[in-house]
Amino acid sequence: HISREKATSGIGTIIWGSGFIDDEYAPIRS
């Protein structure tokens, strides 16, 4: 999660981390 204050602070790009491509083999955690 990123706070609303940070999201609306003028940042050009927000990067969402750890987008596992499947839920079977890709993750390192559940």
PDB file of all heavy atoms in Angstrom:
ATOM      1  N   HIS A   1       0.836  -1.200   0.000  1.00  0.00           N
ATOM      2  CA  HIS A   1       0.000   0.000   0.000  1.00  0.00           C
ATOM      3  C   HIS A   1       0.870   1.248   0.000  1.00  0.00           C
ATOM      4  O   HIS A   1       1.934   1.284   0.606  1.00  0.00           O
ATOM      5  CB  HIS A   1      -0.905  -0.004   1.235  1.00  0.00           C
ATOM      6  CG  HIS A   1      -1.859   1.152   1.266  1.00  0.00           C
ATOM      7  ND1 HIS A   1      -2.900   1.292   0.370  1.00  0.00           N
ATOM      8  CD2 HIS A   1      -1.925   2.230   2.079  1.00  0.00           C
ATOM      9  CE1 HIS A   1      -3.562   2.404   0.630  1.00  0.00           C
ATOM     10  NE2 HIS A   1      -2.989   2.986   1.657  1.00  0.00           N
ATOM     11  N   ILE A   2       0.398   2.261  -0.678  1.00  0.00           N
ATOM     12  CA  ILE A   2       1.009   3.586  -0.646  1.00  0.00           C
ATOM     13  C   ILE A   2      -0.062   4.564  -0.169  1.00  0.00           C
ATOM     14  O   ILE A   2      -1.241   4.429  -0.516  1.00  0.00           O
ATOM     15  CB  ILE A   2       1.550   3.984  -2.036  1.00  0.00           C
ATOM     16  CG1 ILE A   2       2.331   5.298  -1.958  1.00  0.00           C
ATOM     17  CG2 ILE A   2       0.446   4.081  -3.070  1.00  0.00           C
ATOM     18  CD1 ILE A   2       3.059   5.636  -3.252  1.00  0.00           C
ATOM     19  N   SER A   3       0.315   5.505   0.659  1.00  0.00           N
ATOM     20  CA  SER A   3      -0.673   6.403   1.243  1.00  0.00           C
ATOM     21  C   SER A   3      -1.264   7.327   0.177  1.00  0.00           C
ATOM     22  O   SER A   3      -0.640   7.603  -0.851  1.00  0.00           O
ATOM     23  CB  SER A   3      -0.032   7.241   2.354  1.00  0.00           C
ATOM     24  OG  SER A   3       0.908   8.143   1.797  1.00  0.00           O
ATOM     25  N   ARG A   4      -2.472   7.813   0.450  1.00  0.00           N
ATOM     26  CA  ARG A   4      -3.112   8.760  -0.462  1.00  0.00           C
ATOM     27  C   ARG A   4      -2.273  10.028  -0.581  1.00  0.00           C
ATOM     28  O   ARG A   4      -2.165  10.605  -1.675  1.00  0.00           O
ATOM     29  CB  ARG A   4      -4.522   9.096   0.038  1.00  0.00           C
ATOM     30  CG  ARG A   4      -5.325   9.972  -0.926  1.00  0.00           C
ATOM     31  CD  ARG A   4      -6.693  10.285  -0.329  1.00  0.00           C
ATOM     32  NE  ARG A   4      -7.445   9.078  -0.081  1.00  0.00           N
ATOM     33  CZ  ARG A   4      -8.211   8.467  -0.989  1.00  0.00           C
ATOM     34  NH1 ARG A   4      -8.312   8.982  -2.199  1.00  0.00           N
ATOM     35  NH2 ARG A   4      -8.879   7.365  -0.688  1.00  0.00           N
ATOM     36  N   GLU A   5      -1.671  10.450   0.538  1.00  0.00           N
ATOM     37  CA  GLU A   5      -0.854  11.658   0.525  1.00  0.00           C
ATOM     38  C   GLU A   5       0.325  11.515  -0.440  1.00  0.00           C
ATOM     39  O   GLU A   5       0.639  12.431  -1.208  1.00  0.00           O
ATOM     40  CB  GLU A   5      -0.335  11.971   1.936  1.00  0.00           C
ATOM     41  CG  GLU A   5      -1.394  12.450   2.906  1.00  0.00           C
ATOM     42  CD  GLU A   5      -2.303  11.326   3.401  1.00  0.00           C
ATOM     43  OE1 GLU A   5      -1.918  10.142   3.263  1.00  0.00           O
ATOM     44  OE2 GLU A   5      -3.402  11.638   3.891  1.00  0.00           O
ATOM     45  N   LYS A   6       0.976  10.362  -0.408  1.00  0.00           N
ATOM     46  CA  LYS A   6       2.112  10.142  -1.303  1.00  0.00           C
ATOM     47  C   LYS A   6       1.651   9.981  -2.745  1.00  0.00           C
ATOM     48  O   LYS A   6       2.271  10.514  -3.670  1.00  0.00           O
ATOM     49  CB  LYS A   6       2.889   8.892  -0.875  1.00  0.00           C
ATOM     50  CG  LYS A   6       4.178   8.682  -1.666  1.00  0.00           C
ATOM     51  CD  LYS A   6       5.012   7.551  -1.080  1.00  0.00           C
ATOM     52  CE  LYS A   6       6.326   7.402  -1.824  1.00  0.00           C
ATOM     53  NZ  LYS A   6       7.174   6.331  -1.247  1.00  0.00           N
ATOM     54  N   ALA A   7       0.522   9.269  -2.939  1.00  0.00           N
ATOM     55  CA  ALA A   7       0.027   9.029  -4.293  1.00  0.00           C
ATOM     56  C   ALA A   7      -0.357  10.325  -4.990  1.00  0.00           C
ATOM     57  O   ALA A   7      -0.251  10.439  -6.216  1.00  0.00           O
ATOM     58  CB  ALA A   7      -1.162   8.075  -4.249  1.00  0.00           C
ATOM     59  N   THR A   8      -0.828  11.292  -4.215  1.00  0.00           N
ATOM     60  CA  THR A   8      -1.295  12.552  -4.801  1.00  0.00           C
ATOM     61  C   THR A   8      -0.280  13.691  -4.628  1.00  0.00           C
ATOM     62  O   THR A   8      -0.624  14.861  -4.762  1.00  0.00           O
ATOM     63  CB  THR A   8      -2.629  12.974  -4.158  1.00  0.00           C
ATOM     64  OG1 THR A   8      -2.472  13.091  -2.732  1.00  0.00           O
ATOM     65  CG2 THR A   8      -3.715  11.943  -4.442  1.00  0.00           C
ATOM     66  N   SER A   9       0.973  13.343  -4.341  1.00  0.00           N
ATOM     67  CA  SER A   9       1.988  14.359  -4.048  1.00  0.00           C
ATOM     68  C   SER A   9       2.668  14.909  -5.298  1.00  0.00           C
ATOM     69  O   SER A   9       3.517  15.792  -5.199  1.00  0.00           O
ATOM     70  CB  SER A   9       3.057  13.766  -3.121  1.00  0.00           C
ATOM     71  OG  SER A   9       3.765  12.733  -3.792  1.00  0.00           O
ATOM     72  N   GLY A  10       2.306  14.393  -6.469  1.00  0.00           N
ATOM     73  CA  GLY A  10       2.929  14.853  -7.695  1.00  0.00           C
ATOM     74  C   GLY A  10       3.883  13.847  -8.312  1.00  0.00           C
ATOM     75  O   GLY A  10       4.558  14.142  -9.310  1.00  0.00           O
ATOM     76  N   ILE A  11       3.962  12.643  -7.748  1.00  0.00           N
ATOM     77  CA  ILE A  11       4.799  11.583  -8.308  1.00  0.00           C
ATOM     78  C   ILE A  11       4.345  11.270  -9.724  1.00  0.00           C
ATOM     79  O   ILE A  11       3.148  11.198 -10.012  1.00  0.00           O
ATOM     80  CB  ILE A  11       4.695  10.309  -7.432  1.00  0.00           C
ATOM     81  CG1 ILE A  11       5.332  10.551  -6.070  1.00  0.00           C
ATOM     82  CG2 ILE A  11       5.341   9.105  -8.116  1.00  0.00           C
ATOM     83  CD1 ILE A  11       5.110   9.421  -5.086  1.00  0.00           C
ATOM     84  N   GLY A  12       5.311  11.044 -10.611  1.00  0.00           N
ATOM     85  CA  GLY A  12       4.964  10.739 -11.993  1.00  0.00           C
ATOM     86  C   GLY A  12       4.586   9.286 -12.217  1.00  0.00           C
ATOM     87  O   GLY A  12       3.656   8.984 -12.966  1.00  0.00           O
ATOM     88  N   THR A  13       5.298   8.382 -11.537  1.00  0.00           N
ATOM     89  CA  THR A  13       5.069   6.951 -11.723  1.00  0.00           C
ATOM     90  C   THR A  13       5.151   6.226 -10.388  1.00  0.00           C
ATOM     91  O   THR A  13       6.081   6.446  -9.611  1.00  0.00           O
ATOM     92  CB  THR A  13       6.103   6.332 -12.681  1.00  0.00           C
ATOM     93  OG1 THR A  13       6.117   7.056 -13.907  1.00  0.00           O
ATOM     94  CG2 THR A  13       5.773   4.871 -12.975  1.00  0.00           C
ATOM     95  N   ILE A  14       4.183   5.367 -10.134  1.00  0.00           N
ATOM     96  CA  ILE A  14       4.182   4.506  -8.955  1.00  0.00           C
ATOM     97  C   ILE A  14       4.402   3.076  -9.432  1.00  0.00           C
ATOM     98  O   ILE A  14       3.747   2.620 -10.371  1.00  0.00           O
ATOM     99  CB  ILE A  14       2.849   4.612  -8.191  1.00  0.00           C
ATOM    100  CG1 ILE A  14       2.681   6.022  -7.621  1.00  0.00           C
ATOM    101  CG2 ILE A  14       2.764   3.572  -7.083  1.00  0.00           C
ATOM    102  CD1 ILE A  14       1.299   6.295  -7.046  1.00  0.00           C
ATOM    103  N   ILE A  15       5.327   2.382  -8.803  1.00  0.00           N
ATOM    104  CA  ILE A  15       5.628   1.003  -9.195  1.00  0.00           C
ATOM    105  C   ILE A  15       5.071   0.041  -8.153  1.00  0.00           C
ATOM    106  O   ILE A  15       5.419   0.106  -6.977  1.00  0.00           O
ATOM    107  CB  ILE A  15       7.140   0.774  -9.355  1.00  0.00           C
ATOM    108  CG1 ILE A  15       7.715   1.750 -10.390  1.00  0.00           C
ATOM    109  CG2 ILE A  15       7.424  -0.670  -9.785  1.00  0.00           C
ATOM    110  CD1 ILE A  15       9.224   1.675 -10.518  1.00  0.00           C
ATOM    111  N   TRP A  16       4.186  -0.840  -8.599  1.00  0.00           N
ATOM    112  CA  TRP A  16       3.600  -1.882  -7.751  1.00  0.00           C
ATOM    113  C   TRP A  16       4.547  -3.073  -7.788  1.00  0.00           C
ATOM    114  O   TRP A  16       4.785  -3.661  -8.833  1.00  0.00           O
ATOM    115  CB  TRP A  16       2.232  -2.259  -8.311  1.00  0.00           C
ATOM    116  CG  TRP A  16       1.394  -3.174  -7.473  1.00  0.00           C
ATOM    117  CD1 TRP A  16       1.747  -4.390  -6.987  1.00  0.00           C
ATOM    118  CD2 TRP A  16       0.050  -2.949  -7.044  1.00  0.00           C
ATOM    119  NE1 TRP A  16       0.709  -4.952  -6.285  1.00  0.00           N
ATOM    120  CE2 TRP A  16      -0.346  -4.081  -6.312  1.00  0.00           C
ATOM    121  CE3 TRP A  16      -0.860  -1.914  -7.233  1.00  0.00           C
ATOM    122  CZ2 TRP A  16      -1.619  -4.210  -5.759  1.00  0.00           C
ATOM    123  CZ3 TRP A  16      -2.125  -2.034  -6.685  1.00  0.00           C
ATOM    124  CH2 TRP A  16      -2.498  -3.161  -5.956  1.00  0.00           C
ATOM    125  N   GLY A  17       5.091  -3.463  -6.637  1.00  0.00           N
ATOM    126  CA  GLY A  17       6.092  -4.519  -6.594  1.00  0.00           C
ATOM    127  C   GLY A  17       5.506  -5.912  -6.489  1.00  0.00           C
ATOM    128  O   GLY A  17       4.337  -6.104  -6.140  1.00  0.00           O
ATOM    129  N   SER A  18       6.341  -6.906  -6.791  1.00  0.00           N
ATOM    130  CA  SER A  18       6.038  -8.328  -6.592  1.00  0.00           C
ATOM    131  C   SER A  18       4.738  -8.769  -7.242  1.00  0.00           C
ATOM    132  O   SER A  18       3.846  -9.309  -6.593  1.00  0.00           O
ATOM    133  CB  SER A  18       6.005  -8.658  -5.096  1.00  0.00           C
ATOM    134  OG  SER A  18       7.246  -8.387  -4.487  1.00  0.00           O
ATOM    135  N   GLY A  19       4.633  -8.558  -8.551  1.00  0.00           N
ATOM    136  CA  GLY A  19       3.480  -9.063  -9.296  1.00  0.00           C
ATOM    137  C   GLY A  19       3.774 -10.465  -9.802  1.00  0.00           C
ATOM    138  O   GLY A  19       4.187 -10.651 -10.953  1.00  0.00           O
ATOM    139  N   PHE A  20       3.584 -11.462  -8.930  1.00  0.00           N
ATOM    140  CA  PHE A  20       3.876 -12.845  -9.303  1.00  0.00           C
ATOM    141  C   PHE A  20       2.994 -13.277 -10.468  1.00  0.00           C
ATOM    142  O   PHE A  20       1.793 -13.029 -10.470  1.00  0.00           O
ATOM    143  CB  PHE A  20       3.668 -13.777  -8.109  1.00  0.00           C
ATOM    144  CG  PHE A  20       4.516 -13.434  -6.922  1.00  0.00           C
ATOM    145  CD1 PHE A  20       3.943 -13.047  -5.721  1.00  0.00           C
ATOM    146  CD2 PHE A  20       5.896 -13.477  -7.017  1.00  0.00           C
ATOM    147  CE1 PHE A  20       4.725 -12.720  -4.631  1.00  0.00           C
ATOM    148  CE2 PHE A  20       6.695 -13.145  -5.929  1.00  0.00           C
ATOM    149  CZ  PHE A  20       6.107 -12.767  -4.730  1.00  0.00           C
ATOM    150  N   ILE A  21       3.595 -13.951 -11.449  1.00  0.00           N
ATOM    151  CA  ILE A  21       2.864 -14.270 -12.674  1.00  0.00           C
ATOM    152  C   ILE A  21       1.928 -15.462 -12.522  1.00  0.00           C
ATOM    153  O   ILE A  21       1.066 -15.682 -13.375  1.00  0.00           O
ATOM    154  CB  ILE A  21       3.812 -14.502 -13.856  1.00  0.00           C
ATOM    155  CG1 ILE A  21       4.747 -15.692 -13.576  1.00  0.00           C
ATOM    156  CG2 ILE A  21       4.612 -13.234 -14.145  1.00  0.00           C
ATOM    157  CD1 ILE A  21       5.578 -16.107 -14.776  1.00  0.00           C
ATOM    158  N   ASP A  22       2.095 -16.248 -11.457  1.00  0.00           N
ATOM    159  CA  ASP A  22       1.105 -17.286 -11.144  1.00  0.00           C
ATOM    160  C   ASP A  22       1.135 -17.505  -9.639  1.00  0.00           C
ATOM    161  O   ASP A  22       1.967 -16.940  -8.931  1.00  0.00           O
ATOM    162  CB  ASP A  22       1.342 -18.583 -11.925  1.00  0.00           C
ATOM    163  CG  ASP A  22       2.626 -19.301 -11.552  1.00  0.00           C
ATOM    164  OD1 ASP A  22       3.000 -19.325 -10.359  1.00  0.00           O
ATOM    165  OD2 ASP A  22       3.278 -19.857 -12.459  1.00  0.00           O
ATOM    166  N   ASP A  23       0.213 -18.297  -9.145  1.00  0.00           N
ATOM    167  CA  ASP A  23       0.125 -18.532  -7.706  1.00  0.00           C
ATOM    168  C   ASP A  23       0.596 -19.933  -7.344  1.00  0.00           C
ATOM    169  O   ASP A  23       0.382 -20.394  -6.232  1.00  0.00           O
ATOM    170  CB  ASP A  23      -1.315 -18.330  -7.234  1.00  0.00           C
ATOM    171  CG  ASP A  23      -1.410 -18.142  -5.726  1.00  0.00           C
ATOM    172  OD1 ASP A  23      -0.444 -17.602  -5.146  1.00  0.00           O
ATOM    173  OD2 ASP A  23      -2.427 -18.539  -5.135  1.00  0.00           O
ATOM    174  N   GLU A  24       1.241 -20.617  -8.305  1.00  0.00           N
ATOM    175  CA  GLU A  24       1.657 -21.994  -8.081  1.00  0.00           C
ATOM    176  C   GLU A  24       3.165 -22.104  -7.883  1.00  0.00           C
ATOM    177  O   GLU A  24       3.630 -22.617  -6.866  1.00  0.00           O
ATOM    178  CB  GLU A  24       1.229 -22.858  -9.271  1.00  0.00           C
ATOM    179  CG  GLU A  24       1.554 -24.333  -9.110  1.00  0.00           C
ATOM    180  CD  GLU A  24       1.098 -25.157 -10.294  1.00  0.00           C
ATOM    181  OE1 GLU A  24       0.741 -24.562 -11.330  1.00  0.00           O
ATOM    182  OE2 GLU A  24       1.111 -26.390 -10.183  1.00  0.00           O
ATOM    183  N   TYR A  25       3.934 -21.601  -8.834  1.00  0.00           N
ATOM    184  CA  TYR A  25       5.379 -21.731  -8.782  1.00  0.00           C
ATOM    185  C   TYR A  25       6.108 -20.406  -8.601  1.00  0.00           C
ATOM    186  O   TYR A  25       7.250 -20.381  -8.147  1.00  0.00           O
ATOM    187  CB  TYR A  25       5.892 -22.373 -10.085  1.00  0.00           C
ATOM    188  CG  TYR A  25       5.453 -23.799 -10.278  1.00  0.00           C
ATOM    189  CD1 TYR A  25       4.428 -24.105 -11.166  1.00  0.00           C
ATOM    190  CD2 TYR A  25       6.057 -24.837  -9.583  1.00  0.00           C
ATOM    191  CE1 TYR A  25       4.018 -25.412 -11.351  1.00  0.00           C
ATOM    192  CE2 TYR A  25       5.661 -26.145  -9.761  1.00  0.00           C
ATOM    193  CZ  TYR A  25       4.636 -26.437 -10.655  1.00  0.00           C
ATOM    194  OH  TYR A  25       4.231 -27.731 -10.827  1.00  0.00           O
ATOM    195  N   ALA A  26       5.487 -19.300  -8.996  1.00  0.00           N
ATOM    196  CA  ALA A  26       6.197 -18.025  -9.037  1.00  0.00           C
ATOM    197  C   ALA A  26       6.500 -17.407  -7.681  1.00  0.00           C
ATOM    198  O   ALA A  26       7.567 -16.816  -7.501  1.00  0.00           O
ATOM    199  CB  ALA A  26       5.411 -17.023  -9.894  1.00  0.00           C
ATOM    200  N   PRO A  27       5.596 -17.468  -6.669  1.00  0.00           N
ATOM    201  CA  PRO A  27       5.804 -16.667  -5.447  1.00  0.00           C
ATOM    202  C   PRO A  27       6.908 -17.208  -4.548  1.00  0.00           C
ATOM    203  O   PRO A  27       7.329 -18.358  -4.636  1.00  0.00           O
ATOM    204  CB  PRO A  27       4.444 -16.766  -4.743  1.00  0.00           C
ATOM    205  CG  PRO A  27       3.485 -17.254  -5.768  1.00  0.00           C
ATOM    206  CD  PRO A  27       4.282 -18.123  -6.678  1.00  0.00           C
ATOM    207  N   ILE A  28       7.347 -16.349  -3.652  1.00  0.00           N
ATOM    208  CA  ILE A  28       8.251 -16.765  -2.585  1.00  0.00           C
ATOM    209  C   ILE A  28       7.493 -16.864  -1.267  1.00  0.00           C
ATOM    210  O   ILE A  28       8.010 -17.320  -0.267  1.00  0.00           O
ATOM    211  CB  ILE A  28       9.426 -15.778  -2.453  1.00  0.00           C
ATOM    212  CG1 ILE A  28      10.586 -16.420  -1.668  1.00  0.00           C
ATOM    213  CG2 ILE A  28       8.995 -14.450  -1.827  1.00  0.00           C
ATOM    214  CD1 ILE A  28      11.864 -15.641  -1.683  1.00  0.00           C
ATOM    215  N   ARG A  29       6.260 -16.445  -1.274  1.00  0.00           N
ATOM    216  CA  ARG A  29       5.417 -16.498  -0.075  1.00  0.00           C
ATOM    217  C   ARG A  29       3.971 -16.657  -0.521  1.00  0.00           C
ATOM    218  O   ARG A  29       3.636 -16.509  -1.698  1.00  0.00           O
ATOM    219  CB  ARG A  29       5.557 -15.207   0.734  1.00  0.00           C
ATOM    220  CG  ARG A  29       5.135 -13.991  -0.039  1.00  0.00           C
ATOM    221  CD  ARG A  29       5.237 -12.709   0.772  1.00  0.00           C
ATOM    222  NE  ARG A  29       4.792 -11.587  -0.033  1.00  0.00           N
ATOM    223  CZ  ARG A  29       5.569 -10.937  -0.895  1.00  0.00           C
ATOM    224  NH1 ARG A  29       6.829 -11.301  -1.030  1.00  0.00           N
ATOM    225  NH2 ARG A  29       5.093  -9.939  -1.609  1.00  0.00           N
ATOM    226  N   SER A  30       3.096 -16.963   0.414  1.00  0.00           N
ATOM    227  CA  SER A  30       1.679 -17.099   0.091  1.00  0.00           C
ATOM    228  C   SER A  30       0.991 -15.745   0.153  1.00  0.00           C
ATOM    229  O   SER A  30       1.456 -14.820   0.799  1.00  0.00           O
ATOM    230  CB  SER A  30       1.008 -18.062   1.080  1.00  0.00           C
ATOM    231  OG  SER A  30       1.111 -17.556   2.400  1.00  0.00           O
TER     232      SER A  30
END
